[in-house]
N, C-alpha and C. Protein backbone atom coordinates (compact mmCIF):
# COMPACT_ATOMS: atom_id res chain seq x y z
N UNK A 1 -4.94 2.38 0.94
CA UNK A 1 -3.73 3.14 0.66
C UNK A 1 -2.58 2.16 0.44
N UNK A 2 -1.77 2.49 -0.49
CA UNK A 2 -0.63 1.65 -0.85
C UNK A 2 0.56 2.01 0.04
N UNK A 3 1.01 1.04 0.83
CA UNK A 3 2.14 1.29 1.73
C UNK A 3 3.44 0.70 1.21
N UNK A 4 3.35 -0.46 0.62
CA UNK A 4 4.56 -1.11 0.13
C UNK A 4 4.26 -1.73 -1.22
N UNK A 5 4.96 -1.53 -2.23
CA UNK A 5 6.17 -0.71 -2.34
C UNK A 5 5.84 0.78 -2.33
N UNK A 6 6.81 1.58 -1.95
CA UNK A 6 6.57 3.02 -1.84
C UNK A 6 6.45 3.65 -3.21
N UNK A 7 5.84 4.81 -3.23
CA UNK A 7 5.64 5.55 -4.48
C UNK A 7 6.98 5.88 -5.13
N UNK A 8 7.97 6.23 -4.33
CA UNK A 8 9.28 6.58 -4.88
C UNK A 8 9.95 5.39 -5.56
N UNK A 9 9.81 4.20 -4.98
CA UNK A 9 10.38 3.00 -5.60
C UNK A 9 9.68 2.68 -6.91
N UNK A 10 8.35 2.84 -6.92
CA UNK A 10 7.60 2.59 -8.15
C UNK A 10 7.95 3.61 -9.24
N UNK A 11 8.05 4.87 -8.85
CA UNK A 11 8.38 5.92 -9.81
C UNK A 11 9.76 5.70 -10.41
N UNK A 12 10.67 5.14 -9.63
CA UNK A 12 12.00 4.85 -10.15
C UNK A 12 11.94 3.79 -11.25
N UNK A 13 11.02 2.85 -11.14
CA UNK A 13 10.87 1.82 -12.17
C UNK A 13 10.28 2.38 -13.46
N UNK A 14 9.43 3.39 -13.35
CA UNK A 14 8.73 3.94 -14.51
C UNK A 14 9.46 5.15 -15.09
N UNK A 15 9.95 6.02 -14.24
CA UNK A 15 10.66 7.20 -14.72
C UNK A 15 10.17 8.48 -14.09
N UNK A 16 8.87 8.59 -13.84
CA UNK A 16 8.33 9.78 -13.19
C UNK A 16 7.03 9.42 -12.47
N UNK A 17 6.65 10.27 -11.54
CA UNK A 17 5.41 10.02 -10.80
C UNK A 17 4.19 10.18 -11.70
N UNK A 18 4.26 11.10 -12.65
CA UNK A 18 3.14 11.29 -13.58
C UNK A 18 2.95 10.04 -14.43
N UNK A 19 4.01 9.52 -15.00
CA UNK A 19 3.93 8.31 -15.82
C UNK A 19 3.45 7.13 -14.97
N UNK A 20 3.90 7.07 -13.73
CA UNK A 20 3.47 6.01 -12.83
C UNK A 20 1.96 6.06 -12.64
N UNK A 21 1.42 7.23 -12.44
CA UNK A 21 -0.02 7.39 -12.25
C UNK A 21 -0.79 6.89 -13.47
N UNK A 22 -0.33 7.23 -14.65
CA UNK A 22 -1.00 6.82 -15.88
C UNK A 22 -0.92 5.31 -16.06
N UNK A 23 0.24 4.74 -15.85
CA UNK A 23 0.43 3.30 -16.06
C UNK A 23 -0.37 2.49 -15.05
N UNK A 24 -0.34 2.89 -13.78
CA UNK A 24 -1.09 2.17 -12.75
C UNK A 24 -2.58 2.25 -13.03
N UNK A 25 -3.06 3.42 -13.42
CA UNK A 25 -4.49 3.57 -13.70
C UNK A 25 -4.92 2.70 -14.88
N UNK A 26 -4.12 2.69 -15.94
CA UNK A 26 -4.48 1.88 -17.11
C UNK A 26 -4.45 0.39 -16.79
N UNK A 27 -3.46 -0.06 -16.03
CA UNK A 27 -3.39 -1.47 -15.69
C UNK A 27 -4.54 -1.87 -14.76
N UNK A 28 -4.88 -1.00 -13.81
CA UNK A 28 -5.99 -1.28 -12.91
C UNK A 28 -7.29 -1.39 -13.71
N UNK A 29 -7.48 -0.53 -14.69
CA UNK A 29 -8.67 -0.59 -15.54
C UNK A 29 -8.69 -1.91 -16.32
N UNK A 30 -7.54 -2.36 -16.80
CA UNK A 30 -7.48 -3.65 -17.50
C UNK A 30 -7.89 -4.79 -16.58
N UNK A 31 -7.42 -4.76 -15.34
CA UNK A 31 -7.76 -5.81 -14.38
C UNK A 31 -9.26 -5.82 -14.09
N UNK A 32 -9.85 -4.65 -13.93
CA UNK A 32 -11.29 -4.54 -13.68
C UNK A 32 -12.08 -5.06 -14.87
N UNK A 33 -11.70 -4.63 -16.07
CA UNK A 33 -12.41 -5.06 -17.27
C UNK A 33 -12.31 -6.56 -17.48
N UNK A 34 -11.14 -7.11 -17.22
CA UNK A 34 -10.94 -8.55 -17.36
C UNK A 34 -11.83 -9.33 -16.39
N UNK A 35 -11.93 -8.87 -15.15
CA UNK A 35 -12.78 -9.53 -14.17
C UNK A 35 -14.25 -9.44 -14.57
N UNK A 36 -14.66 -8.27 -15.07
CA UNK A 36 -16.05 -8.10 -15.48
C UNK A 36 -16.38 -8.97 -16.69
N UNK A 37 -15.44 -9.13 -17.61
CA UNK A 37 -15.66 -9.98 -18.77
C UNK A 37 -15.84 -11.44 -18.37
N UNK A 38 -15.27 -11.82 -17.24
CA UNK A 38 -15.40 -13.18 -16.74
C UNK A 38 -16.62 -13.34 -15.85
N UNK A 39 -17.41 -12.28 -15.69
CA UNK A 39 -18.61 -12.34 -14.88
C UNK A 39 -18.38 -12.15 -13.40
N UNK A 40 -17.22 -11.63 -13.03
CA UNK A 40 -16.89 -11.41 -11.62
C UNK A 40 -17.18 -9.97 -11.23
N UNK A 41 -17.47 -9.75 -9.96
CA UNK A 41 -17.67 -8.38 -9.49
C UNK A 41 -16.39 -7.78 -8.93
N UNK A 42 -15.48 -8.63 -8.45
CA UNK A 42 -14.19 -8.19 -7.92
C UNK A 42 -13.09 -8.97 -8.60
N UNK A 43 -11.87 -8.45 -8.53
CA UNK A 43 -10.76 -9.20 -9.10
C UNK A 43 -10.42 -10.36 -8.17
N UNK A 44 -9.94 -11.46 -8.72
CA UNK A 44 -9.59 -12.61 -7.88
C UNK A 44 -8.53 -12.24 -6.84
N UNK A 45 -8.66 -12.79 -5.66
CA UNK A 45 -7.72 -12.52 -4.58
C UNK A 45 -8.25 -11.49 -3.59
N UNK A 46 -9.28 -10.74 -3.97
CA UNK A 46 -9.88 -9.78 -3.07
C UNK A 46 -9.10 -8.50 -2.85
N UNK A 47 -8.03 -8.29 -3.60
CA UNK A 47 -7.24 -7.07 -3.45
C UNK A 47 -7.79 -5.98 -4.36
N UNK A 48 -7.45 -4.76 -4.05
CA UNK A 48 -7.89 -3.64 -4.88
C UNK A 48 -7.06 -3.62 -6.16
N UNK A 49 -7.68 -3.23 -7.27
CA UNK A 49 -6.98 -3.23 -8.55
C UNK A 49 -5.73 -2.35 -8.57
N UNK A 50 -5.76 -1.21 -7.89
CA UNK A 50 -4.57 -0.34 -7.86
C UNK A 50 -3.41 -1.01 -7.13
N UNK A 51 -3.71 -1.75 -6.08
CA UNK A 51 -2.67 -2.46 -5.34
C UNK A 51 -2.04 -3.54 -6.20
N UNK A 52 -2.86 -4.29 -6.91
CA UNK A 52 -2.35 -5.35 -7.78
C UNK A 52 -1.52 -4.74 -8.90
N UNK A 53 -2.00 -3.66 -9.50
CA UNK A 53 -1.27 -3.00 -10.59
C UNK A 53 0.08 -2.48 -10.10
N UNK A 54 0.11 -1.86 -8.93
CA UNK A 54 1.37 -1.33 -8.39
C UNK A 54 2.35 -2.46 -8.11
N UNK A 55 1.87 -3.56 -7.56
CA UNK A 55 2.75 -4.69 -7.28
C UNK A 55 3.31 -5.27 -8.58
N UNK A 56 2.48 -5.37 -9.61
CA UNK A 56 2.96 -5.88 -10.90
C UNK A 56 4.04 -5.00 -11.49
N UNK A 57 3.90 -3.69 -11.35
CA UNK A 57 4.92 -2.77 -11.85
C UNK A 57 6.21 -2.95 -11.05
N UNK A 58 6.10 -3.05 -9.74
CA UNK A 58 7.28 -3.21 -8.90
C UNK A 58 8.01 -4.51 -9.19
N UNK A 59 7.25 -5.57 -9.44
CA UNK A 59 7.83 -6.89 -9.72
C UNK A 59 8.36 -7.01 -11.15
N UNK A 60 8.10 -6.01 -11.99
CA UNK A 60 8.58 -6.05 -13.37
C UNK A 60 7.66 -6.79 -14.32
N UNK A 61 6.46 -7.12 -13.90
CA UNK A 61 5.51 -7.82 -14.76
C UNK A 61 4.86 -6.88 -15.76
N UNK A 62 4.81 -5.59 -15.42
CA UNK A 62 4.25 -4.57 -16.30
C UNK A 62 5.36 -3.58 -16.59
N UNK A 63 5.59 -3.31 -17.85
CA UNK A 63 6.66 -2.40 -18.25
C UNK A 63 6.04 -1.27 -19.08
N UNK A 64 6.37 -0.05 -18.74
CA UNK A 64 5.88 1.10 -19.49
C UNK A 64 6.79 1.37 -20.68
N UNK A 65 6.20 1.56 -21.83
CA UNK A 65 6.96 1.89 -23.03
C UNK A 65 6.43 3.20 -23.61
N UNK A 66 7.26 3.87 -24.33
CA UNK A 66 6.82 5.10 -25.01
C UNK A 66 6.10 4.71 -26.28
N UNK A 67 5.14 5.52 -26.65
CA UNK A 67 4.33 5.25 -27.83
C UNK A 67 4.99 5.78 -29.07
């Protein structure tokens, strides 16, 4: 379970909780696919992909744009 940063703080960065869910899921899938392409079973660092994706959004490394 993701405790920090909170869902409300993350949603403020994206705009809505629905958009946050979509962006976090897509980024987590990218992290998983990238690790698998490198022949790894887990992402480096041993953290869960959703946790890494949420932290990247909070830190501003991932930005959601409209299509």
